[in-house]
Amino acid sequence: MDLRVIKKFNGKAEGKTLCPGDVIQSNDVDRINALVGRGFCVIVALDSTPPAAITTNPTPTDEEASVTVDFRGYRYPLETVKAALGVIGVKVAHNAKEKAVSNALSTLTDEQAQTLAEALNDWGKPETDNE
């Protein structure tokens, strides 16, 4: 994932002080969560291949895997929508559930909604409501 620095900090992995506007890349999920959670960075791009840390974790239960959010007549996985919202600059808590994400989707402007739809379509095929 590509992360954009929004608050100056000492990047131990990079060996230098990172300033706002710098872009760093990392596939370490724990590091990404720490940097985003503490307000040092925001996610600006997702990789098309999943990070190794995610693929080695146990598979989620059917209940966790089936949580989806409706957007423009299609159902998208909750985590995908949260990541896409972050990419377009809409802040959503990392632990937000389906209702909070749906509320964030309902407050989008037409331009933001179009950008989000393009981002979601680039990441994969959505499920239709008819299925």
C-alpha atoms as a PDB file:
ATOM      1  CA  MET A   1       0.000   0.000   0.000  1.00  0.00           C
ATOM      2  CA  ASP A   2       1.086   3.542  -0.602  1.00  0.00           C
ATOM      3  CA  LEU A   3       0.808   5.829   2.404  1.00  0.00           C
ATOM      4  CA  ARG A   4       1.010   9.634   2.298  1.00  0.00           C
ATOM      5  CA  VAL A   5       2.582  11.275   5.349  1.00  0.00           C
ATOM      6  CA  ILE A   6       0.362  13.938   6.941  1.00  0.00           C
ATOM      7  CA  LYS A   7       2.325  14.504  10.171  1.00  0.00           C
ATOM      8  CA  LYS A   8       6.113  14.599  10.585  1.00  0.00           C
ATOM      9  CA  PHE A   9       7.613  11.503  12.224  1.00  0.00           C
ATOM     10  CA  ASN A  10      10.805   9.456  12.381  1.00  0.00           C
ATOM     11  CA  GLY A  11      10.425   6.494  10.032  1.00  0.00           C
ATOM     12  CA  LYS A  12      12.474   3.707  11.597  1.00  0.00           C
ATOM     13  CA  ALA A  13      12.013   1.422   8.580  1.00  0.00           C
ATOM     14  CA  GLU A  14      13.139   4.195   6.217  1.00  0.00           C
ATOM     15  CA  GLY A  15      15.936   5.434   8.485  1.00  0.00           C
ATOM     16  CA  LYS A  16      14.976   9.097   8.134  1.00  0.00           C
ATOM     17  CA  THR A  17      12.496  11.725   9.233  1.00  0.00           C
ATOM     18  CA  LEU A  18       9.420  11.745   7.024  1.00  0.00           C
ATOM     19  CA  CYS A  19       7.659  15.026   6.324  1.00  0.00           C
ATOM     20  CA  PRO A  20       4.092  15.772   5.210  1.00  0.00           C
ATOM     21  CA  GLY A  21       3.664  14.994   1.524  1.00  0.00           C
ATOM     22  CA  ASP A  22       6.180  12.133   1.454  1.00  0.00           C
ATOM     23  CA  VAL A  23       4.864   8.818   0.139  1.00  0.00           C
ATOM     24  CA  ILE A  24       5.989   5.495   1.603  1.00  0.00           C
ATOM     25  CA  GLN A  25       5.174   1.937   0.609  1.00  0.00           C
ATOM     26  CA  SER A  26       4.547  -0.907   3.014  1.00  0.00           C
ATOM     27  CA  ASN A  27       2.813  -4.269   3.024  1.00  0.00           C
ATOM     28  CA  ASP A  28       3.240  -4.699   6.792  1.00  0.00           C
ATOM     29  CA  VAL A  29      -0.357  -4.593   8.022  1.00  0.00           C
ATOM     30  CA  ASP A  30       0.601  -3.879  11.644  1.00  0.00           C
ATOM     31  CA  ARG A  31       2.785  -0.934  10.599  1.00  0.00           C
ATOM     32  CA  ILE A  32       0.102   0.452   8.283  1.00  0.00           C
ATOM     33  CA  ASN A  33      -2.519   0.223  11.044  1.00  0.00           C
ATOM     34  CA  ALA A  34      -0.174   1.915  13.529  1.00  0.00           C
ATOM     35  CA  LEU A  35       0.726   4.799  11.193  1.00  0.00           C
ATOM     36  CA  VAL A  36      -2.858   5.412  10.078  1.00  0.00           C
ATOM     37  CA  GLY A  37      -4.295   4.906  13.568  1.00  0.00           C
ATOM     38  CA  ARG A  38      -1.914   7.438  15.120  1.00  0.00           C
ATOM     39  CA  GLY A  39      -2.653  10.008  12.429  1.00  0.00           C
ATOM     40  CA  PHE A  40       0.784  10.001  10.794  1.00  0.00           C
ATOM     41  CA  CYS A  41      -0.350   8.740   7.365  1.00  0.00           C
ATOM     42  CA  VAL A  42      -3.347   8.151   5.123  1.00  0.00           C
ATOM     43  CA  ILE A  43      -3.719   5.367   2.571  1.00  0.00           C
ATOM     44  CA  VAL A  44      -3.518   6.729  -0.972  1.00  0.00           C
ATOM     45  CA  ALA A  45      -3.282   3.516  -3.024  1.00  0.00           C
ATOM     46  CA  LEU A  46      -3.948  -0.167  -2.522  1.00  0.00           C
ATOM     47  CA  ASP A  47      -1.948  -2.927  -4.145  1.00  0.00           C
ATOM     48  CA  SER A  48      -3.817  -5.360  -6.354  1.00  0.00           C
ATOM     49  CA  THR A  49      -2.095  -8.293  -4.625  1.00  0.00           C
ATOM     50  CA  PRO A  50      -2.852  -8.898  -0.940  1.00  0.00           C
ATOM     51  CA  PRO A  51       0.016  -8.435   1.524  1.00  0.00           C
ATOM     52  CA  ALA A  52       1.717 -11.627   2.725  1.00  0.00           C
ATOM     53  CA  ALA A  53       0.625 -10.963   6.319  1.00  0.00           C
ATOM     54  CA  ILE A  54      -3.013 -11.129   5.306  1.00  0.00           C
ATOM     55  CA  THR A  55      -2.678 -14.342   3.318  1.00  0.00           C
ATOM     56  CA  THR A  56      -0.969 -16.163   6.202  1.00  0.00           C
ATOM     57  CA  ASN A  57      -3.708 -15.312   8.712  1.00  0.00           C
ATOM     58  CA  PRO A  58      -6.464 -17.856   9.299  1.00  0.00           C
ATOM     59  CA  THR A  59      -9.399 -17.480   6.956  1.00  0.00           C
ATOM     60  CA  PRO A  60     -12.231 -15.350   8.322  1.00  0.00           C
ATOM     61  CA  THR A  61     -15.452 -16.955   9.385  1.00  0.00           C
ATOM     62  CA  ASP A  62     -18.390 -16.983   6.977  1.00  0.00           C
ATOM     63  CA  GLU A  63     -20.031 -14.213   8.991  1.00  0.00           C
ATOM     64  CA  GLU A  64     -16.969 -11.936   8.768  1.00  0.00           C
ATOM     65  CA  ALA A  65     -16.437 -12.642   5.083  1.00  0.00           C
ATOM     66  CA  SER A  66     -20.062 -12.015   4.142  1.00  0.00           C
ATOM     67  CA  VAL A  67     -20.353  -8.471   5.549  1.00  0.00           C
ATOM     68  CA  THR A  68     -21.090  -6.275   2.555  1.00  0.00           C
ATOM     69  CA  VAL A  69     -22.280  -2.733   1.940  1.00  0.00           C
ATOM     70  CA  ASP A  70     -24.719  -1.606  -0.762  1.00  0.00           C
ATOM     71  CA  PHE A  71     -23.499   1.165  -3.075  1.00  0.00           C
ATOM     72  CA  ARG A  72     -25.278   2.087  -6.304  1.00  0.00           C
ATOM     73  CA  GLY A  73     -27.103  -1.232  -6.562  1.00  0.00           C
ATOM     74  CA  TYR A  74     -24.044  -3.408  -5.950  1.00  0.00           C
ATOM     75  CA  ARG A  75     -22.769  -5.114  -2.804  1.00  0.00           C
ATOM     76  CA  TYR A  76     -19.099  -4.632  -1.939  1.00  0.00           C
ATOM     77  CA  PRO A  77     -17.079  -6.154   0.930  1.00  0.00           C
ATOM     78  CA  LEU A  78     -17.043  -3.817   3.938  1.00  0.00           C
ATOM     79  CA  GLU A  79     -13.238  -3.616   4.170  1.00  0.00           C
ATOM     80  CA  THR A  80     -12.938  -2.797   0.461  1.00  0.00           C
ATOM     81  CA  VAL A  81     -15.395   0.090   0.777  1.00  0.00           C
ATOM     82  CA  LYS A  82     -13.619   1.448   3.874  1.00  0.00           C
ATOM     83  CA  ALA A  83     -10.263   1.352   2.070  1.00  0.00           C
ATOM     84  CA  ALA A  84     -11.728   3.016  -1.034  1.00  0.00           C
ATOM     85  CA  LEU A  85     -13.313   5.758   1.078  1.00  0.00           C
ATOM     86  CA  GLY A  86      -9.901   6.421   2.621  1.00  0.00           C
ATOM     87  CA  VAL A  87      -8.315   6.659  -0.817  1.00  0.00           C
ATOM     88  CA  ILE A  88     -10.791   9.323  -1.959  1.00  0.00           C
ATOM     89  CA  GLY A  89     -10.275  11.288   1.272  1.00  0.00           C
ATOM     90  CA  VAL A  90     -13.403  10.379   3.253  1.00  0.00           C
ATOM     91  CA  LYS A  91     -12.496   9.483   6.825  1.00  0.00           C
ATOM     92  CA  VAL A  92     -14.087   6.355   8.259  1.00  0.00           C
ATOM     93  CA  ALA A  93     -13.002   4.728  11.519  1.00  0.00           C
ATOM     94  CA  HIS A  94     -10.955   1.567  11.010  1.00  0.00           C
ATOM     95  CA  ASN A  95     -13.396  -0.330  13.218  1.00  0.00           C
ATOM     96  CA  ALA A  96     -16.524   1.067  11.525  1.00  0.00           C
ATOM     97  CA  LYS A  97     -19.312  -1.411  10.953  1.00  0.00           C
ATOM     98  CA  GLU A  98     -21.814  -1.678   8.106  1.00  0.00           C
ATOM     99  CA  LYS A  99     -24.116   1.068   9.442  1.00  0.00           C
ATOM    100  CA  ALA A 100     -21.333   3.650   9.847  1.00  0.00           C
ATOM    101  CA  VAL A 101     -19.969   2.961   6.365  1.00  0.00           C
ATOM    102  CA  SER A 102     -23.478   3.181   4.880  1.00  0.00           C
ATOM    103  CA  ASN A 103     -23.935   6.556   6.601  1.00  0.00           C
ATOM    104  CA  ALA A 104     -20.620   7.763   5.147  1.00  0.00           C
ATOM    105  CA  LEU A 105     -21.734   6.634   1.685  1.00  0.00           C
ATOM    106  CA  SER A 106     -25.009   8.549   2.010  1.00  0.00           C
ATOM    107  CA  THR A 107     -23.155  11.821   2.723  1.00  0.00           C
ATOM    108  CA  LEU A 108     -20.940  11.664  -0.391  1.00  0.00           C
ATOM    109  CA  THR A 109     -21.182  14.374  -3.028  1.00  0.00           C
ATOM    110  CA  ASP A 110     -21.910  13.309  -6.608  1.00  0.00           C
ATOM    111  CA  GLU A 111     -18.245  13.798  -7.531  1.00  0.00           C
ATOM    112  CA  GLN A 112     -17.026  11.736  -4.563  1.00  0.00           C
ATOM    113  CA  ALA A 113     -19.568   9.012  -5.339  1.00  0.00           C
ATOM    114  CA  GLN A 114     -18.379   8.826  -8.948  1.00  0.00           C
ATOM    115  CA  THR A 115     -14.722   8.607  -7.856  1.00  0.00           C
ATOM    116  CA  LEU A 116     -15.602   5.907  -5.327  1.00  0.00           C
ATOM    117  CA  ALA A 117     -17.536   3.905  -7.933  1.00  0.00           C
ATOM    118  CA  GLU A 118     -14.549   4.018 -10.301  1.00  0.00           C
ATOM    119  CA  ALA A 119     -12.163   2.929  -7.537  1.00  0.00           C
ATOM    120  CA  LEU A 120     -14.396   0.052  -6.460  1.00  0.00           C
ATOM    121  CA  ASN A 121     -14.853  -1.160 -10.037  1.00  0.00           C
ATOM    122  CA  ASP A 122     -11.066  -1.113 -10.555  1.00  0.00           C
ATOM    123  CA  TRP A 123     -10.550  -3.374  -7.512  1.00  0.00           C
ATOM    124  CA  GLY A 124     -12.928  -6.131  -8.484  1.00  0.00           C
ATOM    125  CA  LYS A 125     -16.364  -7.217  -9.534  1.00  0.00           C
ATOM    126  CA  PRO A 126     -19.154  -6.334  -7.116  1.00  0.00           C
ATOM    127  CA  GLU A 127     -22.022  -8.607  -6.190  1.00  0.00           C
ATOM    128  CA  THR A 128     -25.402  -7.571  -7.559  1.00  0.00           C
ATOM    129  CA  ASP A 129     -28.458  -7.305  -5.343  1.00  0.00           C
ATOM    130  CA  ASN A 130     -30.189  -9.872  -7.569  1.00  0.00           C
ATOM    131  CA  GLU A 131     -27.877 -12.706  -6.479  1.00  0.00           C
END
